[in-house]
Amino acid sequence: MVALFDYDPWESSPNMDSDAELGFHSGDIIYVLGHMDQDGFYFGDLHGRRGLVPSNFLQPLPWN
């Protein structure tokens, strides 16, 4: 998936445990590792770093 916006969990997270989340920048390609959880987060990988990412900040890559 591609990130639509910048995301800094320490500034923007609605969760108390923002350390479990992954920060990223608009345009980053995030590999989703599993299904979305009940809170709307995926578990993702970005350059070997792993953590939770908000689904509403991501968009599927087109299959060209």
Protein backbone atom coordinates (compact mmCIF):
# COMPACT_ATOMS: atom_id res chain seq x y z
CA MET A 1 0.00 0.00 0.00
CA VAL A 2 1.10 3.57 -0.49
CA ALA A 3 0.93 6.22 2.22
CA LEU A 4 -1.36 9.13 1.32
CA PHE A 5 -0.18 11.42 4.12
CA ASP A 6 2.65 11.81 6.61
CA TYR A 7 1.97 10.06 9.92
CA ASP A 8 3.80 10.65 13.19
CA PRO A 9 2.24 8.41 15.85
CA TRP A 10 3.76 10.43 18.70
CA GLU A 11 1.83 13.51 17.52
CA SER A 12 -1.25 12.08 15.81
CA SER A 13 -2.07 8.72 17.36
CA PRO A 14 -5.43 8.27 19.09
CA ASN A 15 -3.94 5.30 20.98
CA MET A 16 -2.23 5.31 24.33
CA ASP A 17 0.52 2.95 23.09
CA SER A 18 1.92 4.94 20.16
CA ASP A 19 5.25 3.07 20.49
CA ALA A 20 3.59 0.08 18.77
CA GLU A 21 2.85 2.22 15.70
CA LEU A 22 4.96 2.92 12.63
CA GLY A 23 5.63 6.47 11.46
CA PHE A 24 5.85 7.14 7.71
CA HIS A 25 5.79 9.82 5.01
CA SER A 26 3.45 10.43 2.10
CA GLY A 27 4.48 8.24 -0.83
CA ASP A 28 6.13 5.53 1.28
CA ILE A 29 5.36 1.96 0.23
CA ILE A 30 4.18 -0.04 3.24
CA TYR A 31 3.91 -3.81 3.08
CA VAL A 32 0.80 -4.91 4.96
CA LEU A 33 1.27 -8.13 6.94
CA GLY A 34 -2.22 -9.35 7.73
CA HIS A 35 -5.77 -8.12 8.03
CA MET A 36 -7.03 -4.84 9.46
CA ASP A 37 -7.75 -5.00 13.19
CA GLN A 38 -10.97 -3.87 14.89
CA ASP A 39 -9.52 -0.37 15.42
CA GLY A 40 -8.76 0.17 11.73
CA PHE A 41 -5.01 -0.50 11.88
CA TYR A 42 -2.86 -2.82 9.79
CA PHE A 43 0.43 -4.38 10.89
CA GLY A 44 2.96 -3.18 8.34
CA ASP A 45 6.61 -3.16 7.34
CA LEU A 46 8.54 -0.15 6.06
CA HIS A 47 12.25 -0.68 5.30
CA GLY A 48 12.51 -3.41 7.95
CA ARG A 49 10.69 -1.45 10.63
CA ARG A 50 7.38 -2.96 11.71
CA GLY A 51 4.38 -1.60 13.54
CA LEU A 52 0.74 -0.65 13.38
CA VAL A 53 -0.37 1.77 10.65
CA PRO A 54 -3.77 3.49 10.32
CA SER A 55 -5.72 2.13 7.35
CA ASN A 56 -7.24 5.52 6.50
CA PHE A 57 -3.75 6.86 5.69
CA LEU A 58 -3.10 4.14 3.09
CA GLN A 59 -4.27 3.31 -0.41
CA PRO A 60 -3.75 0.09 -2.37
CA LEU A 61 -1.18 0.27 -5.15
CA PRO A 62 -2.61 -0.02 -8.66
CA TRP A 63 -1.98 -3.33 -10.46
CA ASN A 64 -0.50 -2.14 -13.76
